[in-house]
Protein backbone atom coordinates (compact mmCIF):
# COMPACT_ATOMS: atom_id res chain seq x y z
CA MET A 1 -35.44 31.38 -39.54
CA ASP A 2 -37.05 28.09 -40.42
CA VAL A 3 -34.45 25.34 -40.80
CA ARG A 4 -35.54 23.29 -43.81
CA PHE A 5 -34.11 22.11 -47.08
CA THR A 6 -35.34 24.36 -49.89
CA LEU A 7 -34.16 24.70 -53.46
CA GLN A 8 -33.69 28.46 -53.06
CA ALA A 9 -31.23 27.85 -50.24
CA VAL A 10 -29.13 25.31 -52.16
CA ALA A 11 -29.40 26.57 -55.74
CA HIS A 12 -25.74 27.64 -55.76
CA VAL A 13 -24.50 24.30 -54.33
CA PRO A 14 -23.60 21.37 -56.62
CA ILE A 15 -26.12 18.51 -56.51
CA TYR A 16 -23.67 15.97 -55.12
CA TYR A 17 -23.42 18.07 -51.88
CA TRP A 18 -27.18 18.13 -51.31
CA PRO A 19 -27.34 14.96 -49.14
CA TRP A 20 -24.63 16.41 -46.90
CA VAL A 21 -26.50 19.74 -46.68
CA TRP A 22 -29.76 17.93 -45.94
CA TRP A 23 -28.10 15.95 -43.13
CA GLN A 24 -26.60 19.11 -41.59
CA LEU A 25 -29.94 20.92 -41.73
CA LEU A 26 -31.67 17.95 -40.11
CA ARG A 27 -29.16 17.98 -37.24
CA LEU A 28 -29.42 21.77 -36.95
CA ARG A 29 -33.21 21.59 -36.73
CA GLN A 30 -32.97 18.97 -33.96
CA GLN A 31 -30.50 21.10 -32.02
CA CYS A 32 -32.68 24.18 -32.37
CA ARG A 33 -35.74 22.34 -31.09
CA ALA A 34 -33.77 20.91 -28.16
CA ALA A 35 -32.25 24.27 -27.21
CA GLY A 36 -35.42 26.28 -27.86
CA CYS A 37 -33.68 28.86 -30.02
CA GLU A 38 -33.78 30.08 -33.60
CA VAL A 39 -30.83 30.43 -35.95
CA LEU A 40 -29.95 32.33 -39.08
CA TRP A 41 -28.19 29.92 -41.41
CA GLU A 42 -26.63 29.87 -44.84
CA VAL A 43 -24.96 27.33 -47.10
CA ASP A 44 -21.64 27.96 -48.82
CA GLU A 45 -20.53 26.57 -52.20
CA THR A 46 -18.91 23.47 -50.66
CA GLY A 47 -22.09 22.36 -48.88
CA MET A 48 -21.18 23.52 -45.38
CA VAL A 49 -24.06 24.94 -43.35
CA LEU A 50 -22.93 28.06 -41.52
CA VAL A 51 -24.76 29.63 -38.59
CA PRO A 52 -23.79 33.32 -38.27
CA PHE A 53 -26.45 34.21 -35.67
CA VAL A 54 -28.18 32.33 -32.86
CA SER A 55 -31.15 33.80 -30.98
CA ASP A 56 -31.06 34.24 -27.24
CA ALA A 57 -32.11 31.33 -25.13
CA GLU A 58 -35.51 31.73 -23.45
CA ASN A 59 -34.22 30.66 -20.04
CA ASP A 60 -31.14 32.94 -20.03
CA LEU A 61 -31.44 35.28 -17.04
CA LEU A 62 -29.16 37.97 -18.47
CA VAL A 63 -31.23 38.22 -21.65
CA TRP A 64 -34.41 38.47 -19.57
CA LEU A 65 -32.93 41.26 -17.45
CA VAL A 66 -31.91 43.23 -20.55
CA LYS A 67 -35.41 42.88 -22.01
CA GLN A 68 -36.97 43.98 -18.72
CA ASN A 69 -34.65 46.97 -18.57
CA LYS A 70 -35.74 48.10 -22.05
CA THR A 71 -39.47 47.87 -21.33
CA THR A 72 -41.17 51.05 -20.18
CA ARG A 73 -43.20 51.15 -17.02
CA ALA A 74 -46.21 53.39 -16.46
CA HIS A 75 -44.87 54.67 -13.14
CA TRP A 76 -41.48 55.58 -14.66
CA ALA A 77 -42.87 58.05 -17.15
CA PRO A 78 -45.53 60.33 -15.63
CA MET A 79 -46.84 61.16 -19.09
CA ASP A 80 -47.66 57.52 -19.84
CA ASN A 81 -51.16 57.30 -18.40
CA ALA A 82 -54.64 56.32 -19.44
CA SER A 83 -56.10 59.82 -19.25
CA GLY A 84 -54.91 60.73 -22.74
CA GLU A 85 -52.69 63.58 -21.54
CA ARG A 86 -49.53 62.12 -22.99
CA HIS A 87 -49.33 64.85 -25.62
CA LEU A 88 -48.99 67.53 -22.93
CA SER A 89 -45.63 68.71 -21.72
CA ALA A 90 -44.59 67.88 -18.18
CA ILE A 91 -45.25 71.46 -17.02
CA HIS A 92 -48.86 71.38 -18.22
CA TYR A 93 -49.38 67.93 -16.78
CA TRP A 94 -47.98 68.66 -13.32
CA MET A 95 -49.57 72.13 -13.08
CA GLY A 96 -52.95 70.52 -13.60
CA ARG A 97 -52.21 67.98 -10.89
CA ILE A 98 -50.98 70.67 -8.49
CA MET A 99 -54.07 72.76 -9.14
CA GLU A 100 -56.29 69.77 -8.41
CA CYS A 101 -54.45 69.24 -5.15
CA GLY A 102 -54.59 72.97 -4.37
CA GLU A 103 -58.37 72.97 -4.76
CA ARG A 104 -58.59 70.52 -1.87
CA CYS A 105 -56.04 72.33 0.31
CA LEU A 106 -57.18 75.93 -0.28
CA PRO A 107 -60.27 76.03 2.02
CA ARG A 108 -58.23 74.85 5.02
CA LEU A 109 -55.63 77.57 4.38
CA VAL A 110 -58.36 80.21 4.21
CA VAL A 111 -59.86 79.03 7.51
CA GLU A 112 -56.46 79.06 9.21
CA ALA A 113 -55.77 82.57 7.88
CA GLU A 114 -59.13 83.87 9.15
CA CYS A 115 -58.49 82.53 12.62
CA ALA A 116 -54.98 83.94 12.82
CA LEU A 117 -55.92 87.55 11.96
CA PRO A 118 -57.17 89.86 14.73
CA ALA A 119 -60.62 91.34 14.41
CA ILE A 120 -60.74 94.73 12.69
CA GLU A 121 -62.22 97.46 14.83
CA ASP A 122 -63.98 100.04 12.77
CA SER A 123 -63.94 103.41 14.50
CA SER A 124 -66.03 105.27 11.99
């Protein structure tokens, strides 16, 4: 959230606290720029700036690992491919792939089967 002094943010605060709020927001903005993070802030009735949430730091390794763990990879999900077959179930997808592979392997199996069988002698 953008850290700046707006009238909507301080409408519920008495006017004599506004310089104190402005000073706190100025310091908070400087700290956010130095740390490279964003904050969610609010102002209470006494002019105190409260920060309930701080974003994750960009250089935090643990945060990066969690983000990488949540991202999907194309090789993890076999249905996530560029062929447009994502709507198919896994059985349809893999049966098509097996049949493509079988088309290449089938002639060699037929040749091996023909060589292994003895010649038929017709006695008629």
